[in-house]
Amino acid sequence: MSSLYVILHCYENSVRCFIEKIFSKELGDNWWEQVANSEMLEKVERVKNKEIKNK
């Protein structure tokens, strides 16, 4: 199971990098402000707060 986790972790990071490169190329460095809606921003804030709380 741990080997599958490593593979999935690497795949997820690769996809995130790919998406970031595409959006940065098409929309510039502030692409997140252009594509994120209020629901997405709230979810990100909740996740960040949860991570800080559960360190």
PDB file of N, CA and C in Angstrom:
ATOM      1  N   MET A   1       0.814  -1.195   0.000  1.00  0.00           N
ATOM      2  CA  MET A   1       0.000   0.000   0.000  1.00  0.00           C
ATOM      3  C   MET A   1       0.861   1.263   0.000  1.00  0.00           C
ATOM      4  N   SER A   2       1.974   1.225   0.715  1.00  0.00           N
ATOM      5  CA  SER A   2       2.817   2.418   0.791  1.00  0.00           C
ATOM      6  C   SER A   2       3.419   2.763  -0.570  1.00  0.00           C
ATOM      7  N   SER A   3       3.722   1.766  -1.382  1.00  0.00           N
ATOM      8  CA  SER A   3       4.272   2.061  -2.710  1.00  0.00           C
ATOM      9  C   SER A   3       3.225   2.737  -3.592  1.00  0.00           C
ATOM     10  N   LEU A   4       1.976   2.369  -3.431  1.00  0.00           N
ATOM     11  CA  LEU A   4       0.904   3.025  -4.174  1.00  0.00           C
ATOM     12  C   LEU A   4       0.765   4.475  -3.739  1.00  0.00           C
ATOM     13  N   TYR A   5       0.879   4.727  -2.448  1.00  0.00           N
ATOM     14  CA  TYR A   5       0.804   6.100  -1.948  1.00  0.00           C
ATOM     15  C   TYR A   5       1.896   6.956  -2.576  1.00  0.00           C
ATOM     16  N   VAL A   6       3.096   6.450  -2.647  1.00  0.00           N
ATOM     17  CA  VAL A   6       4.214   7.196  -3.224  1.00  0.00           C
ATOM     18  C   VAL A   6       3.928   7.528  -4.683  1.00  0.00           C
ATOM     19  N   ILE A   7       3.423   6.562  -5.415  1.00  0.00           N
ATOM     20  CA  ILE A   7       3.103   6.780  -6.827  1.00  0.00           C
ATOM     21  C   ILE A   7       2.016   7.845  -6.977  1.00  0.00           C
ATOM     22  N   LEU A   8       0.957   7.720  -6.193  1.00  0.00           N
ATOM     23  CA  LEU A   8      -0.130   8.697  -6.269  1.00  0.00           C
ATOM     24  C   LEU A   8       0.323  10.086  -5.840  1.00  0.00           C
ATOM     25  N   HIS A   9       1.153  10.152  -4.820  1.00  0.00           N
ATOM     26  CA  HIS A   9       1.679  11.433  -4.355  1.00  0.00           C
ATOM     27  C   HIS A   9       2.490  12.111  -5.462  1.00  0.00           C
ATOM     28  N   CYS A  10       3.353  11.366  -6.098  1.00  0.00           N
ATOM     29  CA  CYS A  10       4.164  11.912  -7.195  1.00  0.00           C
ATOM     30  C   CYS A  10       3.296  12.339  -8.371  1.00  0.00           C
ATOM     31  N   TYR A  11       2.306  11.527  -8.691  1.00  0.00           N
ATOM     32  CA  TYR A  11       1.400  11.862  -9.791  1.00  0.00           C
ATOM     33  C   TYR A  11       0.635  13.151  -9.478  1.00  0.00           C
ATOM     34  N   GLU A  12       0.104  13.250  -8.269  1.00  0.00           N
ATOM     35  CA  GLU A  12      -0.653  14.450  -7.883  1.00  0.00           C
ATOM     36  C   GLU A  12       0.222  15.696  -7.976  1.00  0.00           C
ATOM     37  N   ASN A  13       1.434  15.618  -7.482  1.00  0.00           N
ATOM     38  CA  ASN A  13       2.338  16.773  -7.549  1.00  0.00           C
ATOM     39  C   ASN A  13       2.685  17.132  -8.984  1.00  0.00           C
ATOM     40  N   SER A  14       2.858  16.130  -9.833  1.00  0.00           N
ATOM     41  CA  SER A  14       3.147  16.395 -11.248  1.00  0.00           C
ATOM     42  C   SER A  14       1.976  17.094 -11.928  1.00  0.00           C
ATOM     43  N   VAL A  15       0.769  16.644 -11.641  1.00  0.00           N
ATOM     44  CA  VAL A  15      -0.422  17.268 -12.233  1.00  0.00           C
ATOM     45  C   VAL A  15      -0.571  18.705 -11.730  1.00  0.00           C
ATOM     46  N   ARG A  16      -0.324  18.923 -10.438  1.00  0.00           N
ATOM     47  CA  ARG A  16      -0.400  20.283  -9.885  1.00  0.00           C
ATOM     48  C   ARG A  16       0.601  21.206 -10.575  1.00  0.00           C
ATOM     49  N   CYS A  17       1.818  20.717 -10.764  1.00  0.00           N
ATOM     50  CA  CYS A  17       2.849  21.512 -11.446  1.00  0.00           C
ATOM     51  C   CYS A  17       2.441  21.828 -12.883  1.00  0.00           C
ATOM     52  N   PHE A  18       1.919  20.839 -13.568  1.00  0.00           N
ATOM     53  CA  PHE A  18       1.479  21.021 -14.947  1.00  0.00           C
ATOM     54  C   PHE A  18       0.383  22.084 -15.028  1.00  0.00           C
ATOM     55  N   ILE A  19      -0.608  21.982 -14.162  1.00  0.00           N
ATOM     56  CA  ILE A  19      -1.714  22.951 -14.156  1.00  0.00           C
ATOM     57  C   ILE A  19      -1.184  24.351 -13.854  1.00  0.00           C
ATOM     58  N   GLU A  20      -0.299  24.457 -12.873  1.00  0.00           N
ATOM     59  CA  GLU A  20       0.261  25.761 -12.524  1.00  0.00           C
ATOM     60  C   GLU A  20       1.033  26.372 -13.696  1.00  0.00           C
ATOM     61  N   LYS A  21       1.799  25.555 -14.403  1.00  0.00           N
ATOM     62  CA  LYS A  21       2.552  26.057 -15.566  1.00  0.00           C
ATOM     63  C   LYS A  21       1.613  26.554 -16.662  1.00  0.00           C
ATOM     64  N   ILE A  22       0.568  25.783 -16.943  1.00  0.00           N
ATOM     65  CA  ILE A  22      -0.375  26.167 -18.003  1.00  0.00           C
ATOM     66  C   ILE A  22      -1.086  27.466 -17.646  1.00  0.00           C
ATOM     67  N   PHE A  23      -1.623  27.544 -16.430  1.00  0.00           N
ATOM     68  CA  PHE A  23      -2.335  28.761 -16.015  1.00  0.00           C
ATOM     69  C   PHE A  23      -1.398  29.957 -15.965  1.00  0.00           C
ATOM     70  N   SER A  24      -0.178  29.768 -15.476  1.00  0.00           N
ATOM     71  CA  SER A  24       0.777  30.878 -15.421  1.00  0.00           C
ATOM     72  C   SER A  24       1.104  31.379 -16.820  1.00  0.00           C
ATOM     73  N   LYS A  25       1.258  30.457 -17.744  1.00  0.00           N
ATOM     74  CA  LYS A  25       1.577  30.840 -19.121  1.00  0.00           C
ATOM     75  C   LYS A  25       0.410  31.590 -19.762  1.00  0.00           C
ATOM     76  N   GLU A  26      -0.801  31.108 -19.534  1.00  0.00           N
ATOM     77  CA  GLU A  26      -1.975  31.692 -20.182  1.00  0.00           C
ATOM     78  C   GLU A  26      -2.490  32.950 -19.484  1.00  0.00           C
ATOM     79  N   LEU A  27      -2.426  32.977 -18.142  1.00  0.00           N
ATOM     80  CA  LEU A  27      -3.061  34.068 -17.389  1.00  0.00           C
ATOM     81  C   LEU A  27      -2.101  34.926 -16.591  1.00  0.00           C
ATOM     82  N   GLY A  28      -0.847  34.536 -16.519  1.00  0.00           N
ATOM     83  CA  GLY A  28       0.136  35.301 -15.753  1.00  0.00           C
ATOM     84  C   GLY A  28       0.306  34.746 -14.349  1.00  0.00           C
ATOM     85  N   ASP A  29       1.196  35.393 -13.609  1.00  0.00           N
ATOM     86  CA  ASP A  29       1.544  34.901 -12.281  1.00  0.00           C
ATOM     87  C   ASP A  29       0.404  35.003 -11.263  1.00  0.00           C
ATOM     88  N   ASN A  30      -0.543  35.875 -11.478  1.00  0.00           N
ATOM     89  CA  ASN A  30      -1.659  36.005 -10.535  1.00  0.00           C
ATOM     90  C   ASN A  30      -2.893  35.239 -11.024  1.00  0.00           C
ATOM     91  N   TRP A  31      -2.670  34.098 -11.635  1.00  0.00           N
ATOM     92  CA  TRP A  31      -3.763  33.308 -12.213  1.00  0.00           C
ATOM     93  C   TRP A  31      -4.759  32.856 -11.169  1.00  0.00           C
ATOM     94  N   TRP A  32      -4.303  32.569  -9.951  1.00  0.00           N
ATOM     95  CA  TRP A  32      -5.231  32.074  -8.934  1.00  0.00           C
ATOM     96  C   TRP A  32      -6.322  33.101  -8.640  1.00  0.00           C
ATOM     97  N   GLU A  33      -5.965  34.373  -8.549  1.00  0.00           N
ATOM     98  CA  GLU A  33      -6.950  35.422  -8.284  1.00  0.00           C
ATOM     99  C   GLU A  33      -7.975  35.525  -9.415  1.00  0.00           C
ATOM    100  N   GLN A  34      -7.566  35.148 -10.617  1.00  0.00           N
ATOM    101  CA  GLN A  34      -8.465  35.234 -11.767  1.00  0.00           C
ATOM    102  C   GLN A  34      -9.426  34.049 -11.866  1.00  0.00           C
ATOM    103  N   VAL A  35      -8.994  32.877 -11.444  1.00  0.00           N
ATOM    104  CA  VAL A  35      -9.821  31.682 -11.640  1.00  0.00           C
ATOM    105  C   VAL A  35     -10.586  31.250 -10.394  1.00  0.00           C
ATOM    106  N   ALA A  36     -10.154  31.669  -9.213  1.00  0.00           N
ATOM    107  CA  ALA A  36     -10.787  31.214  -7.969  1.00  0.00           C
ATOM    108  C   ALA A  36     -12.081  31.986  -7.714  1.00  0.00           C
ATOM    109  N   ASN A  37     -13.132  31.238  -7.391  1.00  0.00           N
ATOM    110  CA  ASN A  37     -14.377  31.896  -6.987  1.00  0.00           C
ATOM    111  C   ASN A  37     -14.441  31.915  -5.464  1.00  0.00           C
ATOM    112  N   SER A  38     -15.464  32.530  -4.912  1.00  0.00           N
ATOM    113  CA  SER A  38     -15.543  32.694  -3.461  1.00  0.00           C
ATOM    114  C   SER A  38     -15.632  31.348  -2.743  1.00  0.00           C
ATOM    115  N   GLU A  39     -16.318  30.371  -3.337  1.00  0.00           N
ATOM    116  CA  GLU A  39     -16.429  29.052  -2.718  1.00  0.00           C
ATOM    117  C   GLU A  39     -15.060  28.377  -2.630  1.00  0.00           C
ATOM    118  N   MET A  40     -14.274  28.490  -3.686  1.00  0.00           N
ATOM    119  CA  MET A  40     -12.935  27.901  -3.685  1.00  0.00           C
ATOM    120  C   MET A  40     -12.056  28.576  -2.636  1.00  0.00           C
ATOM    121  N   LEU A  41     -12.124  29.900  -2.562  1.00  0.00           N
ATOM    122  CA  LEU A  41     -11.306  30.637  -1.603  1.00  0.00           C
ATOM    123  C   LEU A  41     -11.662  30.266  -0.173  1.00  0.00           C
ATOM    124  N   GLU A  42     -12.956  30.091   0.104  1.00  0.00           N
ATOM    125  CA  GLU A  42     -13.389  29.691   1.443  1.00  0.00           C
ATOM    126  C   GLU A  42     -12.882  28.297   1.785  1.00  0.00           C
ATOM    127  N   LYS A  43     -12.949  27.381   0.832  1.00  0.00           N
ATOM    128  CA  LYS A  43     -12.476  26.023   1.071  1.00  0.00           C
ATOM    129  C   LYS A  43     -10.977  26.009   1.352  1.00  0.00           C
ATOM    130  N   VAL A  44     -10.217  26.753   0.590  1.00  0.00           N
ATOM    131  CA  VAL A  44      -8.766  26.826   0.792  1.00  0.00           C
ATOM    132  C   VAL A  44      -8.473  27.379   2.185  1.00  0.00           C
ATOM    133  N   GLU A  45      -9.192  28.401   2.578  1.00  0.00           N
ATOM    134  CA  GLU A  45      -8.987  28.995   3.902  1.00  0.00           C
ATOM    135  C   GLU A  45      -9.295  27.989   5.013  1.00  0.00           C
ATOM    136  N   ARG A  46     -10.381  27.216   4.859  1.00  0.00           N
ATOM    137  CA  ARG A  46     -10.729  26.196   5.848  1.00  0.00           C
ATOM    138  C   ARG A  46      -9.632  25.132   5.950  1.00  0.00           C
ATOM    139  N   VAL A  47      -9.123  24.683   4.810  1.00  0.00           N
ATOM    140  CA  VAL A  47      -8.070  23.664   4.805  1.00  0.00           C
ATOM    141  C   VAL A  47      -6.803  24.202   5.466  1.00  0.00           C
ATOM    142  N   LYS A  48      -6.424  25.430   5.145  1.00  0.00           N
ATOM    143  CA  LYS A  48      -5.238  26.035   5.753  1.00  0.00           C
ATOM    144  C   LYS A  48      -5.397  26.121   7.267  1.00  0.00           C
ATOM    145  N   ASN A  49      -6.548  26.575   7.715  1.00  0.00           N
ATOM    146  CA  ASN A  49      -6.782  26.690   9.159  1.00  0.00           C
ATOM    147  C   ASN A  49      -6.766  25.328   9.840  1.00  0.00           C
ATOM    148  N   LYS A  50      -7.318  24.332   9.187  1.00  0.00           N
ATOM    149  CA  LYS A  50      -7.328  22.974   9.739  1.00  0.00           C
ATOM    150  C   LYS A  50      -5.908  22.430   9.850  1.00  0.00           C
ATOM    151  N   GLU A  51      -5.088  22.682   8.834  1.00  0.00           N
ATOM    152  CA  GLU A  51      -3.708  22.220   8.856  1.00  0.00           C
ATOM    153  C   GLU A  51      -2.918  22.896   9.975  1.00  0.00           C
ATOM    154  N   ILE A  52      -3.145  24.182  10.179  1.00  0.00           N
ATOM    155  CA  ILE A  52      -2.460  24.912  11.252  1.00  0.00           C
ATOM    156  C   ILE A  52      -2.896  24.344  12.609  1.00  0.00           C
ATOM    157  N   LYS A  53      -4.176  24.100  12.752  1.00  0.00           N
ATOM    158  CA  LYS A  53      -4.722  23.603  14.010  1.00  0.00           C
ATOM    159  C   LYS A  53      -4.211  22.201  14.326  1.00  0.00           C
ATOM    160  N   ASN A  54      -4.062  21.352  13.320  1.00  0.00           N
ATOM    161  CA  ASN A  54      -3.724  19.936  13.521  1.00  0.00           C
ATOM    162  C   ASN A  54      -2.258  19.610  13.276  1.00  0.00           C
ATOM    163  N   LYS A  55      -1.379  20.583  13.386  1.00  0.00           N
ATOM    164  CA  LYS A  55       0.053  20.324  13.177  1.00  0.00           C
ATOM    165  C   LYS A  55       0.574  19.369  14.198  1.00  0.00           C
TER     166      LYS A  55
END
